[in-house]
Amino acid sequence: MSSVNQPFRDQGIKPMQIAQSAPDPFGLLGLLSVIRMSDPDLTSLALGIDLTTLGLNLNSTENLNKTFGSPWSDEPAKGDPEFNVPKCYYAKPPPPLDHNYFSKFWTETLLYAFYSMPKDEAQLHAANILYDRGWLYHKEQRRWLKRVPNTEPLVKTSTYERGSYHCFEPSTFEITLKENFVLHYEMVEKRPGLPQH
């Protein structure tokens, strides 16, 4: 007989001894003992437990967690414990910020509020009052500038002006004088909008 007509068979592999080895507990033969329900521990672990045998009424409209204490307890749960919430937790929220309060602050206080409360409503109120008082916020330098009172710019065009300005230095918390300062109008931040309550 030629080797072409014979089915392929590797001569080096010995036939497996299936009958002599133990079945794999995680294979199909191991699943057979779970299906036959021969081991009660394995069956409850794999298939679960009928909750009605634990005394739970699954048709109830109430929450089960209030009455079910534990699967090993014969008594129902005792319910929520008694507790008293201190009155300080029921405090009313503070009133919303009033723009009129900020108009009473000194300029230094407004500048402090602007730099120390980023992304807060107080920062918007402080910036709005600073604009009312003639201050301008420079976007690139991140500083507040104010034209020196009773002076006119030395040069004024449609895109910039040059003159003397008071400049607030946030690192030293001082207002300094800058002469011949060139202020480009596109670098000035627009007045912020206030939130409506």
C-alpha atoms as a PDB file:
ATOM      1  CA  MET A   1       0.000   0.000   0.000  1.00  0.00           C
ATOM      2  CA  SER A   2       1.353   3.398  -0.908  1.00  0.00           C
ATOM      3  CA  SER A   3       1.780   6.196   1.579  1.00  0.00           C
ATOM      4  CA  VAL A   4      -0.606   8.382  -0.427  1.00  0.00           C
ATOM      5  CA  ASN A   5      -3.645   6.260   0.357  1.00  0.00           C
ATOM      6  CA  GLN A   6      -2.921   5.972   4.086  1.00  0.00           C
ATOM      7  CA  PRO A   7      -4.277   8.612   6.449  1.00  0.00           C
ATOM      8  CA  PHE A   8      -1.655  10.898   7.962  1.00  0.00           C
ATOM      9  CA  ARG A   9      -0.317   9.617  11.197  1.00  0.00           C
ATOM     10  CA  ASP A  10       2.678  10.884  13.052  1.00  0.00           C
ATOM     11  CA  GLN A  11       4.690   7.873  14.056  1.00  0.00           C
ATOM     12  CA  GLY A  12       6.357   9.783  16.913  1.00  0.00           C
ATOM     13  CA  ILE A  13       3.141  10.527  18.855  1.00  0.00           C
ATOM     14  CA  LYS A  14       1.797   7.864  21.169  1.00  0.00           C
ATOM     15  CA  PRO A  15      -1.969   7.475  21.489  1.00  0.00           C
ATOM     16  CA  MET A  16      -3.334   9.340  24.512  1.00  0.00           C
ATOM     17  CA  GLN A  17      -4.407   7.308  27.452  1.00  0.00           C
ATOM     18  CA  ILE A  18      -7.703   9.080  28.135  1.00  0.00           C
ATOM     19  CA  ALA A  19      -9.191   6.377  30.269  1.00  0.00           C
ATOM     20  CA  GLN A  20      -6.227   6.258  32.647  1.00  0.00           C
ATOM     21  CA  SER A  21      -5.838  10.042  33.325  1.00  0.00           C
ATOM     22  CA  ALA A  22      -8.147  12.078  35.608  1.00  0.00           C
ATOM     23  CA  PRO A  23     -10.591  14.394  33.802  1.00  0.00           C
ATOM     24  CA  ASP A  24      -9.737  18.069  33.692  1.00  0.00           C
ATOM     25  CA  PRO A  25     -11.948  19.775  36.318  1.00  0.00           C
ATOM     26  CA  PHE A  26     -12.132  22.905  34.159  1.00  0.00           C
ATOM     27  CA  GLY A  27     -12.947  21.129  30.901  1.00  0.00           C
ATOM     28  CA  LEU A  28     -16.139  19.600  29.555  1.00  0.00           C
ATOM     29  CA  LEU A  29     -15.714  16.450  31.638  1.00  0.00           C
ATOM     30  CA  GLY A  30     -15.336  18.579  34.762  1.00  0.00           C
ATOM     31  CA  LEU A  31     -18.558  20.407  33.868  1.00  0.00           C
ATOM     32  CA  LEU A  32     -20.383  17.088  33.874  1.00  0.00           C
ATOM     33  CA  SER A  33     -20.220  16.835  37.684  1.00  0.00           C
ATOM     34  CA  VAL A  34     -21.773  20.320  37.973  1.00  0.00           C
ATOM     35  CA  ILE A  35     -24.594  19.417  35.598  1.00  0.00           C
ATOM     36  CA  ARG A  36     -25.323  16.162  37.456  1.00  0.00           C
ATOM     37  CA  MET A  37     -25.358  18.117  40.774  1.00  0.00           C
ATOM     38  CA  SER A  38     -23.394  15.408  42.519  1.00  0.00           C
ATOM     39  CA  ASP A  39     -21.429  17.840  44.758  1.00  0.00           C
ATOM     40  CA  PRO A  40     -23.751  20.299  46.615  1.00  0.00           C
ATOM     41  CA  ASP A  41     -20.956  22.789  47.386  1.00  0.00           C
ATOM     42  CA  LEU A  42     -19.866  22.919  43.773  1.00  0.00           C
ATOM     43  CA  THR A  43     -23.461  23.190  42.597  1.00  0.00           C
ATOM     44  CA  SER A  44     -24.288  26.153  44.875  1.00  0.00           C
ATOM     45  CA  LEU A  45     -21.091  27.878  43.853  1.00  0.00           C
ATOM     46  CA  ALA A  46     -21.631  27.397  40.119  1.00  0.00           C
ATOM     47  CA  LEU A  47     -25.398  27.704  39.835  1.00  0.00           C
ATOM     48  CA  GLY A  48     -26.158  29.932  42.832  1.00  0.00           C
ATOM     49  CA  ILE A  49     -28.822  29.729  45.525  1.00  0.00           C
ATOM     50  CA  ASP A  50     -32.542  30.244  45.223  1.00  0.00           C
ATOM     51  CA  LEU A  51     -33.058  33.462  47.209  1.00  0.00           C
ATOM     52  CA  THR A  52     -36.562  32.502  48.281  1.00  0.00           C
ATOM     53  CA  THR A  53     -35.041  29.678  50.365  1.00  0.00           C
ATOM     54  CA  LEU A  54     -33.277  32.377  52.406  1.00  0.00           C
ATOM     55  CA  GLY A  55     -36.586  33.966  53.361  1.00  0.00           C
ATOM     56  CA  LEU A  56     -36.557  36.801  50.839  1.00  0.00           C
ATOM     57  CA  ASN A  57     -39.801  37.861  49.238  1.00  0.00           C
ATOM     58  CA  LEU A  58     -38.742  38.693  45.700  1.00  0.00           C
ATOM     59  CA  ASN A  59     -42.242  39.865  44.762  1.00  0.00           C
ATOM     60  CA  SER A  60     -42.139  42.660  47.355  1.00  0.00           C
ATOM     61  CA  THR A  61     -42.156  46.270  46.153  1.00  0.00           C
ATOM     62  CA  GLU A  62     -40.041  47.379  49.153  1.00  0.00           C
ATOM     63  CA  ASN A  63     -36.261  47.411  49.101  1.00  0.00           C
ATOM     64  CA  LEU A  64     -34.830  44.051  50.192  1.00  0.00           C
ATOM     65  CA  ASN A  65     -31.734  45.532  51.801  1.00  0.00           C
ATOM     66  CA  LYS A  66     -33.794  46.924  54.702  1.00  0.00           C
ATOM     67  CA  THR A  67     -34.980  43.491  55.838  1.00  0.00           C
ATOM     68  CA  PHE A  68     -32.201  41.162  54.671  1.00  0.00           C
ATOM     69  CA  GLY A  69     -29.332  41.107  57.156  1.00  0.00           C
ATOM     70  CA  SER A  70     -27.245  38.183  55.962  1.00  0.00           C
ATOM     71  CA  PRO A  71     -27.705  34.751  54.366  1.00  0.00           C
ATOM     72  CA  TRP A  72     -26.355  33.229  57.605  1.00  0.00           C
ATOM     73  CA  SER A  73     -28.727  35.112  59.906  1.00  0.00           C
ATOM     74  CA  ASP A  74     -32.192  33.837  60.816  1.00  0.00           C
ATOM     75  CA  GLU A  75     -33.358  37.282  61.945  1.00  0.00           C
ATOM     76  CA  PRO A  76     -34.176  40.231  59.688  1.00  0.00           C
ATOM     77  CA  ALA A  77     -32.027  43.332  59.767  1.00  0.00           C
ATOM     78  CA  LYS A  78     -32.744  45.781  62.564  1.00  0.00           C
ATOM     79  CA  GLY A  79     -33.242  48.716  60.208  1.00  0.00           C
ATOM     80  CA  ASP A  80     -31.524  52.077  60.103  1.00  0.00           C
ATOM     81  CA  PRO A  81     -29.715  53.141  63.284  1.00  0.00           C
ATOM     82  CA  GLU A  82     -30.944  56.168  65.186  1.00  0.00           C
ATOM     83  CA  PHE A  83     -28.805  59.254  64.648  1.00  0.00           C
ATOM     84  CA  ASN A  84     -29.036  63.006  65.025  1.00  0.00           C
ATOM     85  CA  VAL A  85     -27.579  65.349  62.438  1.00  0.00           C
ATOM     86  CA  PRO A  86     -26.016  68.459  64.010  1.00  0.00           C
ATOM     87  CA  LYS A  87     -27.812  71.686  63.176  1.00  0.00           C
ATOM     88  CA  CYS A  88     -24.670  73.184  61.647  1.00  0.00           C
ATOM     89  CA  TYR A  89     -25.102  70.811  58.696  1.00  0.00           C
ATOM     90  CA  TYR A  90     -28.444  72.388  57.937  1.00  0.00           C
ATOM     91  CA  ALA A  91     -26.914  75.850  57.549  1.00  0.00           C
ATOM     92  CA  LYS A  92     -28.292  77.955  54.736  1.00  0.00           C
ATOM     93  CA  PRO A  93     -25.962  78.573  51.804  1.00  0.00           C
ATOM     94  CA  PRO A  94     -24.353  82.005  51.792  1.00  0.00           C
ATOM     95  CA  PRO A  95     -26.069  84.685  49.739  1.00  0.00           C
ATOM     96  CA  PRO A  96     -24.739  85.248  46.215  1.00  0.00           C
ATOM     97  CA  LEU A  97     -22.012  87.826  45.759  1.00  0.00           C
ATOM     98  CA  ASP A  98     -23.331  91.338  45.391  1.00  0.00           C
ATOM     99  CA  HIS A  99     -21.578  93.626  42.934  1.00  0.00           C
ATOM    100  CA  ASN A 100     -22.209  96.589  45.242  1.00  0.00           C
ATOM    101  CA  TYR A 101     -19.984  95.090  47.953  1.00  0.00           C
ATOM    102  CA  PHE A 102     -17.014  95.113  45.607  1.00  0.00           C
ATOM    103  CA  SER A 103     -17.471  98.787  44.760  1.00  0.00           C
ATOM    104  CA  LYS A 104     -16.680  99.619  48.419  1.00  0.00           C
ATOM    105  CA  PHE A 105     -13.269  97.881  48.350  1.00  0.00           C
ATOM    106  CA  TRP A 106      -9.958  99.641  47.911  1.00  0.00           C
ATOM    107  CA  THR A 107      -8.079  99.076  44.677  1.00  0.00           C
ATOM    108  CA  GLU A 108      -5.454  96.932  46.435  1.00  0.00           C
ATOM    109  CA  THR A 109      -8.204  94.685  47.822  1.00  0.00           C
ATOM    110  CA  LEU A 110      -9.721  94.284  44.369  1.00  0.00           C
ATOM    111  CA  LEU A 111      -6.329  93.418  42.891  1.00  0.00           C
ATOM    112  CA  TYR A 112      -5.781  90.881  45.660  1.00  0.00           C
ATOM    113  CA  ALA A 113      -9.199  89.335  44.996  1.00  0.00           C
ATOM    114  CA  PHE A 114      -8.467  89.159  41.274  1.00  0.00           C
ATOM    115  CA  TYR A 115      -5.131  87.359  41.618  1.00  0.00           C
ATOM    116  CA  SER A 116      -5.936  85.153  44.614  1.00  0.00           C
ATOM    117  CA  MET A 117      -9.318  83.814  43.448  1.00  0.00           C
ATOM    118  CA  PRO A 118      -8.818  82.510  39.895  1.00  0.00           C
ATOM    119  CA  LYS A 119     -11.868  81.083  38.090  1.00  0.00           C
ATOM    120  CA  ASP A 120     -14.116  82.358  40.876  1.00  0.00           C
ATOM    121  CA  GLU A 121     -17.083  84.673  40.675  1.00  0.00           C
ATOM    122  CA  ALA A 122     -15.253  87.103  42.975  1.00  0.00           C
ATOM    123  CA  GLN A 123     -12.539  87.471  40.333  1.00  0.00           C
ATOM    124  CA  LEU A 124     -15.130  88.616  37.791  1.00  0.00           C
ATOM    125  CA  HIS A 125     -16.643  91.152  40.181  1.00  0.00           C
ATOM    126  CA  ALA A 126     -13.205  92.514  41.112  1.00  0.00           C
ATOM    127  CA  ALA A 127     -12.214  92.833  37.440  1.00  0.00           C
ATOM    128  CA  ASN A 128     -15.442  94.629  36.609  1.00  0.00           C
ATOM    129  CA  ILE A 129     -14.917  97.232  39.357  1.00  0.00           C
ATOM    130  CA  LEU A 130     -11.287  97.692  38.269  1.00  0.00           C
ATOM    131  CA  TYR A 131     -12.521  98.465  34.746  1.00  0.00           C
ATOM    132  CA  ASP A 132     -14.987 100.957  36.249  1.00  0.00           C
ATOM    133  CA  ARG A 133     -12.043 102.684  37.950  1.00  0.00           C
ATOM    134  CA  GLY A 134     -10.054 102.992  34.709  1.00  0.00           C
ATOM    135  CA  TRP A 135      -7.783  99.957  35.014  1.00  0.00           C
ATOM    136  CA  LEU A 136      -7.032  97.810  31.939  1.00  0.00           C
ATOM    137  CA  TYR A 137      -5.874  94.196  31.975  1.00  0.00           C
ATOM    138  CA  HIS A 138      -2.932  93.369  29.690  1.00  0.00           C
ATOM    139  CA  LYS A 139      -3.411  89.808  28.392  1.00  0.00           C
ATOM    140  CA  GLU A 140       0.201  89.153  27.449  1.00  0.00           C
ATOM    141  CA  GLN A 141       1.825  90.565  30.592  1.00  0.00           C
ATOM    142  CA  ARG A 142      -1.074  89.493  32.852  1.00  0.00           C
ATOM    143  CA  ARG A 143      -0.971  92.800  34.692  1.00  0.00           C
ATOM    144  CA  TRP A 144      -3.354  95.630  35.381  1.00  0.00           C
ATOM    145  CA  LEU A 145      -2.501  99.043  33.923  1.00  0.00           C
ATOM    146  CA  LYS A 146      -3.996 102.462  34.487  1.00  0.00           C
ATOM    147  CA  ARG A 147      -3.217 105.653  32.640  1.00  0.00           C
ATOM    148  CA  VAL A 148      -1.637 108.250  34.942  1.00  0.00           C
ATOM    149  CA  PRO A 149      -4.415 110.710  35.869  1.00  0.00           C
ATOM    150  CA  ASN A 150      -4.451 114.138  34.191  1.00  0.00           C
ATOM    151  CA  THR A 151      -2.084 113.025  31.409  1.00  0.00           C
ATOM    152  CA  GLU A 152      -2.638 112.320  27.740  1.00  0.00           C
ATOM    153  CA  PRO A 153      -0.852 109.650  25.681  1.00  0.00           C
ATOM    154  CA  LEU A 154       2.260 110.865  23.884  1.00  0.00           C
ATOM    155  CA  VAL A 155       1.269 108.907  20.762  1.00  0.00           C
ATOM    156  CA  LYS A 156      -2.201 107.598  20.001  1.00  0.00           C
ATOM    157  CA  THR A 157      -3.142 105.613  16.892  1.00  0.00           C
ATOM    158  CA  SER A 158      -5.964 103.259  16.018  1.00  0.00           C
ATOM    159  CA  THR A 159      -3.927 100.217  17.144  1.00  0.00           C
ATOM    160  CA  TYR A 160      -1.824 101.427  20.077  1.00  0.00           C
ATOM    161  CA  GLU A 161      -0.954 104.294  22.356  1.00  0.00           C
ATOM    162  CA  ARG A 162       2.221 105.274  24.200  1.00  0.00           C
ATOM    163  CA  GLY A 163       2.257 107.079  27.498  1.00  0.00           C
ATOM    164  CA  SER A 164       2.728 106.856  31.264  1.00  0.00           C
ATOM    165  CA  TYR A 165       0.873 104.135  33.147  1.00  0.00           C
ATOM    166  CA  HIS A 166       0.562 102.864  36.669  1.00  0.00           C
ATOM    167  CA  CYS A 167       1.289  99.129  36.548  1.00  0.00           C
ATOM    168  CA  PHE A 168       0.392  96.637  39.256  1.00  0.00           C
ATOM    169  CA  GLU A 169       3.170  94.099  39.858  1.00  0.00           C
ATOM    170  CA  PRO A 170       1.536  90.931  41.250  1.00  0.00           C
ATOM    171  CA  SER A 171       4.846  89.372  42.344  1.00  0.00           C
ATOM    172  CA  THR A 172       5.719  92.286  44.655  1.00  0.00           C
ATOM    173  CA  PHE A 173       2.150  93.554  45.168  1.00  0.00           C
ATOM    174  CA  GLU A 174       3.195  97.105  44.284  1.00  0.00           C
ATOM    175  CA  ILE A 175       1.933  99.722  41.865  1.00  0.00           C
ATOM    176  CA  THR A 176       4.834 101.085  39.824  1.00  0.00           C
ATOM    177  CA  LEU A 177       5.088 103.833  37.211  1.00  0.00           C
ATOM    178  CA  LYS A 178       5.946 102.873  33.617  1.00  0.00           C
ATOM    179  CA  GLU A 179       6.806 105.789  31.344  1.00  0.00           C
ATOM    180  CA  ASN A 180       6.771 105.595  27.539  1.00  0.00           C
ATOM    181  CA  PHE A 181       4.876 102.323  27.755  1.00  0.00           C
ATOM    182  CA  VAL A 182       3.378 101.117  24.461  1.00  0.00           C
ATOM    183  CA  LEU A 183      -0.099  99.666  24.912  1.00  0.00           C
ATOM    184  CA  HIS A 184      -1.452  97.732  21.932  1.00  0.00           C
ATOM    185  CA  TYR A 185      -5.244  97.707  22.041  1.00  0.00           C
ATOM    186  CA  GLU A 186      -5.544  94.062  20.982  1.00  0.00           C
ATOM    187  CA  MET A 187      -3.608  93.122  24.146  1.00  0.00           C
ATOM    188  CA  VAL A 188      -6.267  94.689  26.389  1.00  0.00           C
ATOM    189  CA  GLU A 189      -8.770  92.191  27.792  1.00  0.00           C
ATOM    190  CA  LYS A 190     -12.425  93.033  27.309  1.00  0.00           C
ATOM    191  CA  ARG A 191     -14.620  93.777  30.296  1.00  0.00           C
ATOM    192  CA  PRO A 192     -15.871  90.492  31.799  1.00  0.00           C
ATOM    193  CA  GLY A 193     -19.545  89.665  31.912  1.00  0.00           C
ATOM    194  CA  LEU A 194     -21.047  89.153  35.351  1.00  0.00           C
ATOM    195  CA  PRO A 195     -23.104  86.051  36.161  1.00  0.00           C
ATOM    196  CA  GLN A 196     -26.832  86.579  36.531  1.00  0.00           C
ATOM    197  CA  HIS A 197     -28.452  85.135  39.656  1.00  0.00           C
END
